[in-house]
PDB file of N, CA and C in Angstrom:
ATOM      1  N   UNK A   1       0.844  -1.173   0.000  1.00  0.00           N
ATOM      2  CA  UNK A   1       0.000   0.000   0.000  1.00  0.00           C
ATOM      3  C   UNK A   1       0.898   1.247   0.000  1.00  0.00           C
ATOM      4  N   UNK A   2       0.679   2.161  -0.953  1.00  0.00           N
ATOM      5  CA  UNK A   2       1.510   3.360  -1.009  1.00  0.00           C
ATOM      6  C   UNK A   2       0.983   4.425  -0.039  1.00  0.00           C
ATOM      7  N   UNK A   3       1.739   5.513   0.097  1.00  0.00           N
ATOM      8  CA  UNK A   3       1.376   6.556   1.063  1.00  0.00           C
ATOM      9  C   UNK A   3       0.027   7.197   0.763  1.00  0.00           C
ATOM     10  N   UNK A   4      -0.276   7.368  -0.523  1.00  0.00           N
ATOM     11  CA  UNK A   4      -1.553   7.983  -0.893  1.00  0.00           C
ATOM     12  C   UNK A   4      -2.723   7.089  -0.462  1.00  0.00           C
ATOM     13  N   UNK A   5      -2.586   5.785  -0.674  1.00  0.00           N
ATOM     14  CA  UNK A   5      -3.633   4.851  -0.257  1.00  0.00           C
ATOM     15  C   UNK A   5      -3.771   4.828   1.257  1.00  0.00           C
ATOM     16  N   UNK A   6      -2.646   4.866   1.978  1.00  0.00           N
ATOM     17  CA  UNK A   6      -2.689   4.911   3.438  1.00  0.00           C
ATOM     18  C   UNK A   6      -3.384   6.176   3.910  1.00  0.00           C
ATOM     19  N   UNK A   7      -3.055   7.289   3.258  1.00  0.00           N
ATOM     20  CA  UNK A   7      -3.679   8.561   3.620  1.00  0.00           C
ATOM     21  C   UNK A   7      -5.177   8.533   3.409  1.00  0.00           C
ATOM     22  N   UNK A   8      -5.611   7.979   2.284  1.00  0.00           N
ATOM     23  CA  UNK A   8      -7.051   7.879   1.994  1.00  0.00           C
ATOM     24  C   UNK A   8      -7.748   7.002   3.039  1.00  0.00           C
ATOM     25  N   UNK A   9      -7.093   5.916   3.439  1.00  0.00           N
ATOM     26  CA  UNK A   9      -7.656   5.050   4.480  1.00  0.00           C
ATOM     27  C   UNK A   9      -7.785   5.786   5.803  1.00  0.00           C
ATOM     28  N   UNK A  10      -6.765   6.568   6.143  1.00  0.00           N
ATOM     29  CA  UNK A  10      -6.803   7.364   7.365  1.00  0.00           C
ATOM     30  C   UNK A  10      -7.902   8.414   7.316  1.00  0.00           C
ATOM     31  N   UNK A  11      -8.073   9.033   6.147  1.00  0.00           N
ATOM     32  CA  UNK A  11      -9.125  10.043   5.997  1.00  0.00           C
ATOM     33  C   UNK A  11     -10.507   9.413   6.119  1.00  0.00           C
ATOM     34  N   UNK A  12     -10.688   8.222   5.562  1.00  0.00           N
ATOM     35  CA  UNK A  12     -11.977   7.527   5.680  1.00  0.00           C
ATOM     36  C   UNK A  12     -12.259   7.174   7.134  1.00  0.00           C
ATOM     37  N   UNK A  13     -11.235   6.713   7.852  1.00  0.00           N
ATOM     38  CA  UNK A  13     -11.360   6.394   9.274  1.00  0.00           C
ATOM     39  C   UNK A  13     -11.743   7.651  10.057  1.00  0.00           C
ATOM     40  N   UNK A  14     -11.068   8.751   9.756  1.00  0.00           N
ATOM     41  CA  UNK A  14     -11.352  10.030  10.431  1.00  0.00           C
ATOM     42  C   UNK A  14     -12.767  10.512  10.115  1.00  0.00           C
ATOM     43  N   UNK A  15     -13.202  10.363   8.870  1.00  0.00           N
ATOM     44  CA  UNK A  15     -14.552  10.798   8.487  1.00  0.00           C
ATOM     45  C   UNK A  15     -15.606  10.009   9.259  1.00  0.00           C
ATOM     46  N   UNK A  16     -15.409   8.709   9.382  1.00  0.00           N
ATOM     47  CA  UNK A  16     -16.359   7.889  10.154  1.00  0.00           C
ATOM     48  C   UNK A  16     -16.380   8.330  11.618  1.00  0.00           C
ATOM     49  N   UNK A  17     -15.194   8.547  12.175  1.00  0.00           N
ATOM     50  CA  UNK A  17     -15.084   8.992  13.573  1.00  0.00           C
ATOM     51  C   UNK A  17     -15.805  10.327  13.774  1.00  0.00           C
ATOM     52  N   UNK A  18     -15.558  11.281  12.878  1.00  0.00           N
ATOM     53  CA  UNK A  18     -16.189  12.593  13.009  1.00  0.00           C
ATOM     54  C   UNK A  18     -17.706  12.495  12.874  1.00  0.00           C
ATOM     55  N   UNK A  19     -18.179  11.660  11.958  1.00  0.00           N
ATOM     56  CA  UNK A  19     -19.624  11.467  11.805  1.00  0.00           C
ATOM     57  C   UNK A  19     -20.228  10.921  13.105  1.00  0.00           C
ATOM     58  N   UNK A  20     -19.510  10.022  13.762  1.00  0.00           N
ATOM     59  CA  UNK A  20     -19.974   9.490  15.046  1.00  0.00           C
ATOM     60  C   UNK A  20     -20.013  10.581  16.121  1.00  0.00           C
ATOM     61  N   UNK A  21     -19.164  11.607  15.971  1.00  0.00           N
ATOM     62  CA  UNK A  21     -19.131  12.720  16.918  1.00  0.00           C
ATOM     63  C   UNK A  21     -20.183  13.783  16.591  1.00  0.00           C
ATOM     64  N   UNK A  22     -20.950  13.563  15.517  1.00  0.00           N
ATOM     65  CA  UNK A  22     -22.005  14.494  15.142  1.00  0.00           C
ATOM     66  C   UNK A  22     -21.664  15.443  14.012  1.00  0.00           C
ATOM     67  N   UNK A  23     -20.479  15.321  13.440  1.00  0.00           N
ATOM     68  CA  UNK A  23     -20.092  16.150  12.304  1.00  0.00           C
ATOM     69  C   UNK A  23     -20.850  15.670  11.059  1.00  0.00           C
ATOM     70  N   UNK A  24     -21.197  16.597  10.196  1.00  0.00           N
ATOM     71  CA  UNK A  24     -21.749  16.253   8.886  1.00  0.00           C
ATOM     72  C   UNK A  24     -20.637  16.488   7.862  1.00  0.00           C
ATOM     73  N   UNK A  25     -20.174  15.437   7.233  1.00  0.00           N
ATOM     74  CA  UNK A  25     -19.089  15.553   6.251  1.00  0.00           C
ATOM     75  C   UNK A  25     -19.669  16.131   4.964  1.00  0.00           C
ATOM     76  N   UNK A  26     -19.141  17.277   4.546  1.00  0.00           N
ATOM     77  CA  UNK A  26     -19.622  17.953   3.347  1.00  0.00           C
ATOM     78  C   UNK A  26     -18.776  17.633   2.124  1.00  0.00           C
ATOM     79  N   UNK A  27     -17.478  17.494   2.352  1.00  0.00           N
ATOM     80  CA  UNK A  27     -16.576  17.282   1.213  1.00  0.00           C
ATOM     81  C   UNK A  27     -15.299  16.606   1.696  1.00  0.00           C
ATOM     82  N   UNK A  28     -14.735  15.782   0.812  1.00  0.00           N
ATOM     83  CA  UNK A  28     -13.450  15.119   1.084  1.00  0.00           C
ATOM     84  C   UNK A  28     -12.452  15.536   0.017  1.00  0.00           C
ATOM     85  N   UNK A  29     -11.222  15.701   0.430  1.00  0.00           N
ATOM     86  CA  UNK A  29     -10.115  16.000  -0.485  1.00  0.00           C
ATOM     87  C   UNK A  29     -10.399  17.181  -1.404  1.00  0.00           C
ATOM     88  N   UNK A  30     -10.754  18.294  -0.811  1.00  0.00           N
ATOM     89  CA  UNK A  30     -10.956  19.513  -1.590  1.00  0.00           C
ATOM     90  C   UNK A  30      -9.590  20.018  -2.031  1.00  0.00           C
ATOM     91  N   UNK A  31      -9.436  20.204  -3.342  1.00  0.00           N
ATOM     92  CA  UNK A  31      -8.158  20.681  -3.886  1.00  0.00           C
ATOM     93  C   UNK A  31      -8.385  21.930  -4.704  1.00  0.00           C
ATOM     94  N   UNK A  32      -7.447  22.828  -4.593  1.00  0.00           N
ATOM     95  CA  UNK A  32      -7.435  24.035  -5.415  1.00  0.00           C
ATOM     96  C   UNK A  32      -5.977  24.466  -5.544  1.00  0.00           C
ATOM     97  N   UNK A  33      -5.750  25.516  -6.291  1.00  0.00           N
ATOM     98  CA  UNK A  33      -4.388  25.996  -6.498  1.00  0.00           C
ATOM     99  C   UNK A  33      -3.711  26.387  -5.179  1.00  0.00           C
ATOM    100  N   UNK A  34      -4.499  26.837  -4.226  1.00  0.00           N
ATOM    101  CA  UNK A  34      -3.959  27.300  -2.947  1.00  0.00           C
ATOM    102  C   UNK A  34      -3.526  26.158  -2.028  1.00  0.00           C
ATOM    103  N   UNK A  35      -4.103  24.984  -2.222  1.00  0.00           N
ATOM    104  CA  UNK A  35      -3.749  23.865  -1.354  1.00  0.00           C
ATOM    105  C   UNK A  35      -4.825  22.809  -1.323  1.00  0.00           C
ATOM    106  N   UNK A  36      -4.804  22.007  -0.279  1.00  0.00           N
ATOM    107  CA  UNK A  36      -5.740  20.893  -0.138  1.00  0.00           C
ATOM    108  C   UNK A  36      -6.286  20.867   1.277  1.00  0.00           C
ATOM    109  N   UNK A  37      -7.548  20.469   1.392  1.00  0.00           N
ATOM    110  CA  UNK A  37      -8.171  20.265   2.697  1.00  0.00           C
ATOM    111  C   UNK A  37      -8.707  18.842   2.698  1.00  0.00           C
ATOM    112  N   UNK A  38      -8.318  18.067   3.699  1.00  0.00           N
ATOM    113  CA  UNK A  38      -8.696  16.654   3.737  1.00  0.00           C
ATOM    114  C   UNK A  38     -10.202  16.470   3.864  1.00  0.00           C
ATOM    115  N   UNK A  39     -10.799  17.129   4.853  1.00  0.00           N
ATOM    116  CA  UNK A  39     -12.235  17.004   5.090  1.00  0.00           C
ATOM    117  C   UNK A  39     -12.824  18.378   5.386  1.00  0.00           C
ATOM    118  N   UNK A  40     -14.016  18.609   4.875  1.00  0.00           N
ATOM    119  CA  UNK A  40     -14.768  19.814   5.222  1.00  0.00           C
ATOM    120  C   UNK A  40     -16.088  19.324   5.787  1.00  0.00           C
ATOM    121  N   UNK A  41     -16.440  19.840   6.956  1.00  0.00           N
ATOM    122  CA  UNK A  41     -17.609  19.322   7.657  1.00  0.00           C
ATOM    123  C   UNK A  41     -18.381  20.462   8.316  1.00  0.00           C
ATOM    124  N   UNK A  42     -19.552  20.117   8.776  1.00  0.00           N
ATOM    125  CA  UNK A  42     -20.358  21.033   9.571  1.00  0.00           C
ATOM    126  C   UNK A  42     -20.477  20.400  10.950  1.00  0.00           C
ATOM    127  N   UNK A  43     -20.202  21.199  11.982  1.00  0.00           N
ATOM    128  CA  UNK A  43     -20.360  20.768  13.374  1.00  0.00           C
ATOM    129  C   UNK A  43     -21.218  21.816  14.053  1.00  0.00           C
ATOM    130  N   UNK A  44     -22.495  21.554  14.176  1.00  0.00           N
ATOM    131  CA  UNK A  44     -23.416  22.559  14.687  1.00  0.00           C
ATOM    132  C   UNK A  44     -23.471  23.704  13.696  1.00  0.00           C
ATOM    133  N   UNK A  45     -23.202  24.916  14.173  1.00  0.00           N
ATOM    134  CA  UNK A  45     -23.202  26.092  13.305  1.00  0.00           C
ATOM    135  C   UNK A  45     -21.861  26.351  12.640  1.00  0.00           C
ATOM    136  N   UNK A  46     -20.832  25.598  13.021  1.00  0.00           N
ATOM    137  CA  UNK A  46     -19.480  25.841  12.512  1.00  0.00           C
ATOM    138  C   UNK A  46     -19.193  25.050  11.240  1.00  0.00           C
ATOM    139  N   UNK A  47     -18.542  25.723  10.308  1.00  0.00           N
ATOM    140  CA  UNK A  47     -17.963  25.068   9.151  1.00  0.00           C
ATOM    141  C   UNK A  47     -16.548  24.691   9.575  1.00  0.00           C
ATOM    142  N   UNK A  48     -16.187  23.423   9.437  1.00  0.00           N
ATOM    143  CA  UNK A  48     -14.918  22.940   9.984  1.00  0.00           C
ATOM    144  C   UNK A  48     -14.038  22.397   8.856  1.00  0.00           C
ATOM    145  N   UNK A  49     -12.811  22.897   8.815  1.00  0.00           N
ATOM    146  CA  UNK A  49     -11.797  22.423   7.875  1.00  0.00           C
ATOM    147  C   UNK A  49     -10.877  21.500   8.672  1.00  0.00           C
ATOM    148  N   UNK A  50     -10.778  20.250   8.225  1.00  0.00           N
ATOM    149  CA  UNK A  50     -10.091  19.227   9.013  1.00  0.00           C
ATOM    150  C   UNK A  50      -8.860  18.714   8.267  1.00  0.00           C
ATOM    151  N   UNK A  51      -7.743  18.736   8.958  1.00  0.00           N
ATOM    152  CA  UNK A  51      -6.509  18.127   8.453  1.00  0.00           C
ATOM    153  C   UNK A  51      -6.338  16.790   9.170  1.00  0.00           C
ATOM    154  N   UNK A  52      -6.091  15.736   8.401  1.00  0.00           N
ATOM    155  CA  UNK A  52      -5.926  14.396   8.959  1.00  0.00           C
ATOM    156  C   UNK A  52      -4.467  13.988   8.775  1.00  0.00           C
ATOM    157  N   UNK A  53      -3.846  13.543   9.869  1.00  0.00           N
ATOM    158  CA  UNK A  53      -2.470  13.057   9.813  1.00  0.00           C
ATOM    159  C   UNK A  53      -2.412  11.655  10.395  1.00  0.00           C
ATOM    160  N   UNK A  54      -1.729  10.773   9.687  1.00  0.00           N
ATOM    161  CA  UNK A  54      -1.656   9.357  10.025  1.00  0.00           C
ATOM    162  C   UNK A  54      -0.200   8.952  10.238  1.00  0.00           C
ATOM    163  N   UNK A  55       0.053   8.195  11.300  1.00  0.00           N
ATOM    164  CA  UNK A  55       1.379   7.639  11.562  1.00  0.00           C
ATOM    165  C   UNK A  55       1.216   6.214  12.086  1.00  0.00           C
ATOM    166  N   UNK A  56       2.149   5.357  11.699  1.00  0.00           N
ATOM    167  CA  UNK A  56       2.130   3.979  12.218  1.00  0.00           C
ATOM    168  C   UNK A  56       2.842   3.869  13.554  1.00  0.00           C
ATOM    169  N   UNK A  57       3.793   4.750  13.791  1.00  0.00           N
ATOM    170  CA  UNK A  57       4.545   4.709  15.033  1.00  0.00           C
ATOM    171  C   UNK A  57       5.021   6.103  15.395  1.00  0.00           C
ATOM    172  N   UNK A  58       5.620   6.218  16.573  1.00  0.00           N
ATOM    173  CA  UNK A  58       6.063   7.529  17.064  1.00  0.00           C
ATOM    174  C   UNK A  58       7.421   7.948  16.514  1.00  0.00           C
ATOM    175  N   UNK A  59       8.000   7.148  15.642  1.00  0.00           N
ATOM    176  CA  UNK A  59       9.320   7.440  15.096  1.00  0.00           C
ATOM    177  C   UNK A  59       9.399   8.796  14.418  1.00  0.00           C
ATOM    178  N   UNK A  60       8.313   9.248  13.824  1.00  0.00           N
ATOM    179  CA  UNK A  60       8.282  10.557  13.163  1.00  0.00           C
ATOM    180  C   UNK A  60       7.588  11.601  14.030  1.00  0.00           C
ATOM    181  N   UNK A  61       7.344  11.285  15.279  1.00  0.00           N
ATOM    182  CA  UNK A  61       6.638  12.195  16.170  1.00  0.00           C
ATOM    183  C   UNK A  61       5.142  11.960  16.097  1.00  0.00           C
ATOM    184  N   UNK A  62       4.408  12.729  16.873  1.00  0.00           N
ATOM    185  CA  UNK A  62       2.955  12.613  16.866  1.00  0.00           C
ATOM    186  C   UNK A  62       2.401  13.141  15.554  1.00  0.00           C
ATOM    187  N   UNK A  63       1.348  12.538  15.045  1.00  0.00           N
ATOM    188  CA  UNK A  63       0.817  12.961  13.748  1.00  0.00           C
ATOM    189  C   UNK A  63       0.462  14.443  13.701  1.00  0.00           C
ATOM    190  N   UNK A  64      -0.178  14.937  14.740  1.00  0.00           N
ATOM    191  CA  UNK A  64      -0.616  16.331  14.743  1.00  0.00           C
ATOM    192  C   UNK A  64       0.540  17.332  14.736  1.00  0.00           C
ATOM    193  N   UNK A  65       1.722  16.891  15.141  1.00  0.00           N
ATOM    194  CA  UNK A  65       2.891  17.770  15.109  1.00  0.00           C
ATOM    195  C   UNK A  65       3.307  18.119  13.683  1.00  0.00           C
ATOM    196  N   UNK A  66       2.854  17.333  12.711  1.00  0.00           N
ATOM    197  CA  UNK A  66       3.200  17.578  11.307  1.00  0.00           C
ATOM    198  C   UNK A  66       2.427  18.759  10.721  1.00  0.00           C
ATOM    199  N   UNK A  67       1.442  19.260  11.452  1.00  0.00           N
ATOM    200  CA  UNK A  67       0.656  20.398  10.968  1.00  0.00           C
ATOM    201  C   UNK A  67       1.338  21.668  11.482  1.00  0.00           C
ATOM    202  N   UNK A  68       2.457  21.988  10.853  1.00  0.00           N
ATOM    203  CA  UNK A  68       3.249  23.141  11.260  1.00  0.00           C
ATOM    204  C   UNK A  68       2.664  24.437  10.677  1.00  0.00           C
ATOM    205  N   UNK A  69       3.309  25.552  10.977  1.00  0.00           N
ATOM    206  CA  UNK A  69       2.795  26.855  10.544  1.00  0.00           C
ATOM    207  C   UNK A  69       2.622  26.914   9.027  1.00  0.00           C
ATOM    208  N   UNK A  70       3.573  26.385   8.310  1.00  0.00           N
ATOM    209  CA  UNK A  70       3.514  26.417   6.841  1.00  0.00           C
ATOM    210  C   UNK A  70       2.297  25.644   6.320  1.00  0.00           C
ATOM    211  N   UNK A  71       2.053  24.455   6.885  1.00  0.00           N
ATOM    212  CA  UNK A  71       0.895  23.646   6.498  1.00  0.00           C
ATOM    213  C   UNK A  71      -0.399  24.366   6.886  1.00  0.00           C
ATOM    214  N   UNK A  72      -0.410  24.966   8.061  1.00  0.00           N
ATOM    215  CA  UNK A  72      -1.589  25.718   8.507  1.00  0.00           C
ATOM    216  C   UNK A  72      -1.915  26.839   7.532  1.00  0.00           C
ATOM    217  N   UNK A  73      -0.911  27.537   7.057  1.00  0.00           N
ATOM    218  CA  UNK A  73      -1.138  28.649   6.129  1.00  0.00           C
ATOM    219  C   UNK A  73      -1.718  28.148   4.799  1.00  0.00           C
ATOM    220  N   UNK A  74      -1.247  27.025   4.311  1.00  0.00           N
ATOM    221  CA  UNK A  74      -1.808  26.454   3.076  1.00  0.00           C
ATOM    222  C   UNK A  74      -3.280  26.084   3.277  1.00  0.00           C
ATOM    223  N   UNK A  75      -3.594  25.507   4.428  1.00  0.00           N
ATOM    224  CA  UNK A  75      -4.985  25.138   4.727  1.00  0.00           C
ATOM    225  C   UNK A  75      -5.845  26.395   4.826  1.00  0.00           C
ATOM    226  N   UNK A  76      -5.345  27.427   5.478  1.00  0.00           N
ATOM    227  CA  UNK A  76      -6.091  28.701   5.573  1.00  0.00           C
ATOM    228  C   UNK A  76      -6.391  29.273   4.192  1.00  0.00           C
ATOM    229  N   UNK A  77      -5.400  29.273   3.328  1.00  0.00           N
ATOM    230  CA  UNK A  77      -5.587  29.809   1.974  1.00  0.00           C
ATOM    231  C   UNK A  77      -6.615  28.997   1.192  1.00  0.00           C
ATOM    232  N   UNK A  78      -6.540  27.684   1.291  1.00  0.00           N
ATOM    233  CA  UNK A  78      -7.511  26.826   0.604  1.00  0.00           C
ATOM    234  C   UNK A  78      -8.910  27.042   1.186  1.00  0.00           C
ATOM    235  N   UNK A  79      -8.996  27.230   2.504  1.00  0.00           N
ATOM    236  CA  UNK A  79     -10.291  27.476   3.147  1.00  0.00           C
ATOM    237  C   UNK A  79     -10.891  28.795   2.667  1.00  0.00           C
ATOM    238  N   UNK A  80     -10.066  29.832   2.569  1.00  0.00           N
ATOM    239  CA  UNK A  80     -10.561  31.129   2.053  1.00  0.00           C
ATOM    240  C   UNK A  80     -11.143  30.959   0.647  1.00  0.00           C
ATOM    241  N   UNK A  81     -10.444  30.221  -0.185  1.00  0.00           N
ATOM    242  CA  UNK A  81     -10.925  29.998  -1.543  1.00  0.00           C
ATOM    243  C   UNK A  81     -12.226  29.196  -1.531  1.00  0.00           C
ATOM    244  N   UNK A  82     -12.294  28.170  -0.699  1.00  0.00           N
ATOM    245  CA  UNK A  82     -13.505  27.361  -0.591  1.00  0.00           C
ATOM    246  C   UNK A  82     -14.697  28.240  -0.201  1.00  0.00           C
ATOM    247  N   UNK A  83     -14.507  29.091   0.787  1.00  0.00           N
ATOM    248  CA  UNK A  83     -15.584  29.983   1.235  1.00  0.00           C
ATOM    249  C   UNK A  83     -16.027  30.896   0.102  1.00  0.00           C
ATOM    250  N   UNK A  84     -15.062  31.479  -0.595  1.00  0.00           N
ATOM    251  CA  UNK A  84     -15.354  32.382  -1.709  1.00  0.00           C
ATOM    252  C   UNK A  84     -16.090  31.639  -2.828  1.00  0.00           C
ATOM    253  N   UNK A  85     -15.542  30.511  -3.242  1.00  0.00           N
ATOM    254  CA  UNK A  85     -16.108  29.750  -4.352  1.00  0.00           C
ATOM    255  C   UNK A  85     -17.532  29.275  -4.081  1.00  0.00           C
ATOM    256  N   UNK A  86     -17.826  28.983  -2.819  1.00  0.00           N
ATOM    257  CA  UNK A  86     -19.128  28.456  -2.462  1.00  0.00           C
ATOM    258  C   UNK A  86     -20.095  29.513  -1.930  1.00  0.00           C
ATOM    259  N   UNK A  87     -19.699  30.782  -2.005  1.00  0.00           N
ATOM    260  CA  UNK A  87     -20.605  31.874  -1.672  1.00  0.00           C
ATOM    261  C   UNK A  87     -20.947  32.028  -0.206  1.00  0.00           C
ATOM    262  N   UNK A  88     -20.053  31.602   0.675  1.00  0.00           N
ATOM    263  CA  UNK A  88     -20.297  31.787   2.109  1.00  0.00           C
ATOM    264  C   UNK A  88     -20.126  33.260   2.482  1.00  0.00           C
ATOM    265  N   UNK A  89     -20.867  33.698   3.463  1.00  0.00           N
ATOM    266  CA  UNK A  89     -20.757  35.066   3.970  1.00  0.00           C
ATOM    267  C   UNK A  89     -19.425  35.241   4.705  1.00  0.00           C
ATOM    268  N   UNK A  90     -18.961  36.478   4.775  1.00  0.00           N
ATOM    269  CA  UNK A  90     -17.685  36.764   5.453  1.00  0.00           C
ATOM    270  C   UNK A  90     -17.711  36.405   6.933  1.00  0.00           C
ATOM    271  N   UNK A  91     -18.882  36.452   7.544  1.00  0.00           N
ATOM    272  CA  UNK A  91     -18.968  36.185   8.981  1.00  0.00           C
ATOM    273  C   UNK A  91     -19.336  34.730   9.291  1.00  0.00           C
ATOM    274  N   UNK A  92     -19.165  33.829   8.319  1.00  0.00           N
ATOM    275  CA  UNK A  92     -19.435  32.408   8.543  1.00  0.00           C
ATOM    276  C   UNK A  92     -18.518  31.892   9.653  1.00  0.00           C
ATOM    277  N   UNK A  93     -19.113  31.221  10.627  1.00  0.00           N
ATOM    278  CA  UNK A  93     -18.337  30.660  11.739  1.00  0.00           C
ATOM    279  C   UNK A  93     -17.540  29.459  11.225  1.00  0.00           C
ATOM    280  N   UNK A  94     -16.212  29.568  11.314  1.00  0.00           N
ATOM    281  CA  UNK A  94     -15.320  28.512  10.825  1.00  0.00           C
ATOM    282  C   UNK A  94     -14.299  28.162  11.894  1.00  0.00           C
ATOM    283  N   UNK A  95     -13.772  26.967  11.782  1.00  0.00           N
ATOM    284  CA  UNK A  95     -12.648  26.582  12.630  1.00  0.00           C
ATOM    285  C   UNK A  95     -11.817  25.522  11.918  1.00  0.00           C
ATOM    286  N   UNK A  96     -10.629  25.299  12.452  1.00  0.00           N
ATOM    287  CA  UNK A  96      -9.693  24.330  11.890  1.00  0.00           C
ATOM    288  C   UNK A  96      -9.415  23.258  12.947  1.00  0.00           C
ATOM    289  N   UNK A  97      -9.768  22.037  12.613  1.00  0.00           N
ATOM    290  CA  UNK A  97      -9.519  20.904  13.506  1.00  0.00           C
ATOM    291  C   UNK A  97      -8.432  20.021  12.896  1.00  0.00           C
ATOM    292  N   UNK A  98      -7.761  19.279  13.750  1.00  0.00           N
ATOM    293  CA  UNK A  98      -6.772  18.304  13.303  1.00  0.00           C
ATOM    294  C   UNK A  98      -7.142  16.958  13.902  1.00  0.00           C
ATOM    295  N   UNK A  99      -7.106  15.929  13.065  1.00  0.00           N
ATOM    296  CA  UNK A  99      -7.300  14.561  13.522  1.00  0.00           C
ATOM    297  C   UNK A  99      -5.963  13.849  13.359  1.00  0.00           C
ATOM    298  N   UNK A 100      -5.435  13.356  14.475  1.00  0.00           N
ATOM    299  CA  UNK A 100      -4.205  12.577  14.455  1.00  0.00           C
ATOM    300  C   UNK A 100      -4.538  11.106  14.656  1.00  0.00           C
ATOM    301  N   UNK A 101      -3.964  10.250  13.823  1.00  0.00           N
ATOM    302  CA  UNK A 101      -4.186   8.810  13.942  1.00  0.00           C
ATOM    303  C   UNK A 101      -2.825   8.157  14.142  1.00  0.00           C
ATOM    304  N   UNK A 102      -2.668   7.484  15.267  1.00  0.00           N
ATOM    305  CA  UNK A 102      -1.408   6.824  15.610  1.00  0.00           C
ATOM    306  C   UNK A 102      -1.714   5.412  16.075  1.00  0.00           C
ATOM    307  N   UNK A 103      -1.190   4.433  15.351  1.00  0.00           N
ATOM    308  CA  UNK A 103      -1.405   3.020  15.695  1.00  0.00           C
ATOM    309  C   UNK A 103      -2.884   2.697  15.873  1.00  0.00           C
ATOM    310  N   UNK A 104      -3.729   3.229  15.018  1.00  0.00           N
ATOM    311  CA  UNK A 104      -5.159   2.941  15.073  1.00  0.00           C
ATOM    312  C   UNK A 104      -5.927   3.735  16.113  1.00  0.00           C
ATOM    313  N   UNK A 105      -5.223   4.530  16.903  1.00  0.00           N
ATOM    314  CA  UNK A 105      -5.882   5.376  17.899  1.00  0.00           C
ATOM    315  C   UNK A 105      -6.089   6.761  17.299  1.00  0.00           C
ATOM    316  N   UNK A 106      -7.256   7.332  17.542  1.00  0.00           N
ATOM    317  CA  UNK A 106      -7.589   8.608  16.922  1.00  0.00           C
ATOM    318  C   UNK A 106      -7.695   9.696  17.981  1.00  0.00           C
ATOM    319  N   UNK A 107      -7.206  10.869  17.624  1.00  0.00           N
ATOM    320  CA  UNK A 107      -7.251  12.011  18.541  1.00  0.00           C
ATOM    321  C   UNK A 107      -7.745  13.216  17.751  1.00  0.00           C
ATOM    322  N   UNK A 108      -8.775  13.862  18.272  1.00  0.00           N
ATOM    323  CA  UNK A 108      -9.358  15.055  17.648  1.00  0.00           C
ATOM    324  C   UNK A 108      -8.920  16.282  18.428  1.00  0.00           C
ATOM    325  N   UNK A 109      -8.347  17.241  17.713  1.00  0.00           N
ATOM    326  CA  UNK A 109      -7.998  18.525  18.332  1.00  0.00           C
ATOM    327  C   UNK A 109      -8.869  19.578  17.680  1.00  0.00           C
ATOM    328  N   UNK A 110      -9.863  20.057  18.429  1.00  0.00           N
ATOM    329  CA  UNK A 110     -10.752  21.095  17.925  1.00  0.00           C
ATOM    330  C   UNK A 110     -10.051  22.437  18.053  1.00  0.00           C
ATOM    331  N   UNK A 111     -10.318  23.323  17.091  1.00  0.00           N
ATOM    332  CA  UNK A 111      -9.679  24.648  17.111  1.00  0.00           C
ATOM    333  C   UNK A 111      -8.169  24.520  17.242  1.00  0.00           C
ATOM    334  N   UNK A 112      -7.583  23.646  16.447  1.00  0.00           N
ATOM    335  CA  UNK A 112      -6.145  23.384  16.534  1.00  0.00           C
ATOM    336  C   UNK A 112      -5.321  24.617  16.193  1.00  0.00           C
ATOM    337  N   UNK A 113      -5.842  25.461  15.321  1.00  0.00           N
ATOM    338  CA  UNK A 113      -5.194  26.725  14.969  1.00  0.00           C
ATOM    339  C   UNK A 113      -6.259  27.655  14.442  1.00  0.00           C
ATOM    340  N   UNK A 114      -5.902  28.937  14.344  1.00  0.00           N
ATOM    341  CA  UNK A 114      -6.908  29.918  13.878  1.00  0.00           C
ATOM    342  C   UNK A 114      -6.519  30.487  12.535  1.00  0.00           C
TER     343      UNK A 114
END
């Protein structure tokens, strides 16, 4: 299984987990020139942009640690474009969550960055 297939499996696992938490998954793997967003969901009144990180072991650190400032900025830019393209109002309540998957264990960090 290559990295892309592993990533897709992790994203599917995360989507199921989030749905169990009450999230409504709106879109998967949104891509644009500005970047990529793994999952876009609705959680109550919030539009949530979710980054999913998968690791088999701690050798590379915790999965969520891979969402550094540079990655956060790419996600922010892609989110801005998504909002614009889909006609959302400027005051739409949004947040950025990170789902870390390590050895089959899942961890959700709400409001991981702004």
